[in-house]
């Protein structure tokens, strides 16, 4: 999944530099504890992309189940503007 990996101890000591590198290169970095990956550090762009992909997958799953995955225009207006449409 990812080639770069740091132990928790090393990551703690170098977190600023590691975070800047991940952000600049968009290459994820694994954080390990006793040789096992316990976390993955992602760039903000990759994290946003992952969130969007998960939302799309959830939407498609609801569609596949025949659920109404959207909201009406009136409901969207009420949520955004806090009142009934005029």
C-alpha atoms as a PDB file:
ATOM      1  CA  UNK A   1       0.000   0.000   0.000  1.00  0.00           C
ATOM      2  CA  UNK A   2       2.659   2.479   0.983  1.00  0.00           C
ATOM      3  CA  UNK A   3       6.419   2.262   0.836  1.00  0.00           C
ATOM      4  CA  UNK A   4       7.450   4.887   3.395  1.00  0.00           C
ATOM      5  CA  UNK A   5       7.007   3.830   7.018  1.00  0.00           C
ATOM      6  CA  UNK A   6       8.095   5.256  10.355  1.00  0.00           C
ATOM      7  CA  UNK A   7       7.865   3.824  13.841  1.00  0.00           C
ATOM      8  CA  UNK A   8       5.721   5.771  16.278  1.00  0.00           C
ATOM      9  CA  UNK A   9       8.851   6.949  18.077  1.00  0.00           C
ATOM     10  CA  UNK A  10      10.500   8.186  14.864  1.00  0.00           C
ATOM     11  CA  UNK A  11       7.257   9.738  13.586  1.00  0.00           C
ATOM     12  CA  UNK A  12       6.817  11.635  16.858  1.00  0.00           C
ATOM     13  CA  UNK A  13      10.317  13.074  16.527  1.00  0.00           C
ATOM     14  CA  UNK A  14       9.906  14.015  12.850  1.00  0.00           C
ATOM     15  CA  UNK A  15       6.155  14.652  12.544  1.00  0.00           C
ATOM     16  CA  UNK A  16       6.432  18.156  11.064  1.00  0.00           C
ATOM     17  CA  UNK A  17       8.848  17.091   8.323  1.00  0.00           C
ATOM     18  CA  UNK A  18       6.876  13.914   7.567  1.00  0.00           C
ATOM     19  CA  UNK A  19       3.577  15.824   7.338  1.00  0.00           C
ATOM     20  CA  UNK A  20       5.078  18.419   4.956  1.00  0.00           C
ATOM     21  CA  UNK A  21       6.531  15.650   2.785  1.00  0.00           C
ATOM     22  CA  UNK A  22       3.192  13.818   2.602  1.00  0.00           C
ATOM     23  CA  UNK A  23       1.382  17.034   1.721  1.00  0.00           C
ATOM     24  CA  UNK A  24       3.886  17.933  -0.997  1.00  0.00           C
ATOM     25  CA  UNK A  25       4.249  14.501  -2.592  1.00  0.00           C
ATOM     26  CA  UNK A  26       0.760  13.065  -1.949  1.00  0.00           C
ATOM     27  CA  UNK A  27       2.544   9.822  -1.043  1.00  0.00           C
ATOM     28  CA  UNK A  28       1.009   8.240   2.068  1.00  0.00           C
ATOM     29  CA  UNK A  29       3.247   7.247   4.969  1.00  0.00           C
ATOM     30  CA  UNK A  30       2.635   4.343   7.341  1.00  0.00           C
ATOM     31  CA  UNK A  31       3.099   4.730  11.081  1.00  0.00           C
ATOM     32  CA  UNK A  32       4.042   1.461  12.751  1.00  0.00           C
ATOM     33  CA  UNK A  33       4.059   0.101  16.277  1.00  0.00           C
ATOM     34  CA  UNK A  34       6.227  -2.962  16.838  1.00  0.00           C
ATOM     35  CA  UNK A  35       6.337  -3.548  13.076  1.00  0.00           C
ATOM     36  CA  UNK A  36       2.567  -3.409  12.544  1.00  0.00           C
ATOM     37  CA  UNK A  37       0.931  -0.546  10.654  1.00  0.00           C
ATOM     38  CA  UNK A  38      -1.341   1.336  13.054  1.00  0.00           C
ATOM     39  CA  UNK A  39      -2.063   4.459  10.994  1.00  0.00           C
ATOM     40  CA  UNK A  40      -1.594   5.965   7.553  1.00  0.00           C
ATOM     41  CA  UNK A  41      -0.788   9.655   7.122  1.00  0.00           C
ATOM     42  CA  UNK A  42      -2.496  11.084   4.008  1.00  0.00           C
ATOM     43  CA  UNK A  43      -2.288  14.448   2.290  1.00  0.00           C
ATOM     44  CA  UNK A  44      -5.339  16.709   2.689  1.00  0.00           C
ATOM     45  CA  UNK A  45      -6.078  16.286  -1.036  1.00  0.00           C
ATOM     46  CA  UNK A  46      -6.027  12.489  -0.737  1.00  0.00           C
ATOM     47  CA  UNK A  47      -8.169  12.569   2.409  1.00  0.00           C
ATOM     48  CA  UNK A  48     -10.782  14.712   0.623  1.00  0.00           C
ATOM     49  CA  UNK A  49     -10.718  12.408  -2.404  1.00  0.00           C
ATOM     50  CA  UNK A  50     -11.209   9.405  -0.115  1.00  0.00           C
ATOM     51  CA  UNK A  51     -14.171  11.082   1.609  1.00  0.00           C
ATOM     52  CA  UNK A  52     -15.757  11.841  -1.757  1.00  0.00           C
ATOM     53  CA  UNK A  53     -15.249   8.261  -2.964  1.00  0.00           C
ATOM     54  CA  UNK A  54     -16.776   6.871   0.227  1.00  0.00           C
ATOM     55  CA  UNK A  55     -19.778   9.199  -0.097  1.00  0.00           C
ATOM     56  CA  UNK A  56     -20.250   8.163  -3.724  1.00  0.00           C
ATOM     57  CA  UNK A  57     -20.024   4.466  -2.814  1.00  0.00           C
ATOM     58  CA  UNK A  58     -22.604   4.937  -0.040  1.00  0.00           C
ATOM     59  CA  UNK A  59     -24.908   6.807  -2.436  1.00  0.00           C
ATOM     60  CA  UNK A  60     -24.627   4.048  -5.043  1.00  0.00           C
ATOM     61  CA  UNK A  61     -25.279   1.392  -2.402  1.00  0.00           C
ATOM     62  CA  UNK A  62     -28.471   3.208  -1.350  1.00  0.00           C
ATOM     63  CA  UNK A  63     -29.504   3.485  -4.982  1.00  0.00           C
ATOM     64  CA  UNK A  64     -28.900  -0.241  -5.423  1.00  0.00           C
ATOM     65  CA  UNK A  65     -31.232  -0.932  -2.506  1.00  0.00           C
ATOM     66  CA  UNK A  66     -33.867   1.284  -4.094  1.00  0.00           C
ATOM     67  CA  UNK A  67     -33.705   3.873  -1.345  1.00  0.00           C
ATOM     68  CA  UNK A  68     -34.439   7.501  -2.083  1.00  0.00           C
ATOM     69  CA  UNK A  69     -30.943   8.964  -1.654  1.00  0.00           C
ATOM     70  CA  UNK A  70     -31.804  12.598  -2.322  1.00  0.00           C
ATOM     71  CA  UNK A  71     -33.835  15.383  -0.785  1.00  0.00           C
ATOM     72  CA  UNK A  72     -36.537  17.465  -2.386  1.00  0.00           C
ATOM     73  CA  UNK A  73     -35.861  21.004  -3.530  1.00  0.00           C
ATOM     74  CA  UNK A  74     -38.027  22.362  -0.700  1.00  0.00           C
ATOM     75  CA  UNK A  75     -36.135  20.330   1.910  1.00  0.00           C
ATOM     76  CA  UNK A  76     -32.765  21.450   0.529  1.00  0.00           C
ATOM     77  CA  UNK A  77     -33.896  25.077   0.608  1.00  0.00           C
ATOM     78  CA  UNK A  78     -35.108  24.701   4.212  1.00  0.00           C
ATOM     79  CA  UNK A  79     -31.785  23.145   5.276  1.00  0.00           C
ATOM     80  CA  UNK A  80     -29.709  25.848   3.608  1.00  0.00           C
ATOM     81  CA  UNK A  81     -31.799  28.912   4.364  1.00  0.00           C
ATOM     82  CA  UNK A  82     -33.709  27.753   7.453  1.00  0.00           C
ATOM     83  CA  UNK A  83     -37.190  28.551   6.293  1.00  0.00           C
ATOM     84  CA  UNK A  84     -39.836  27.837   3.723  1.00  0.00           C
ATOM     85  CA  UNK A  85     -39.242  28.842   0.126  1.00  0.00           C
ATOM     86  CA  UNK A  86     -41.110  31.982  -0.941  1.00  0.00           C
END
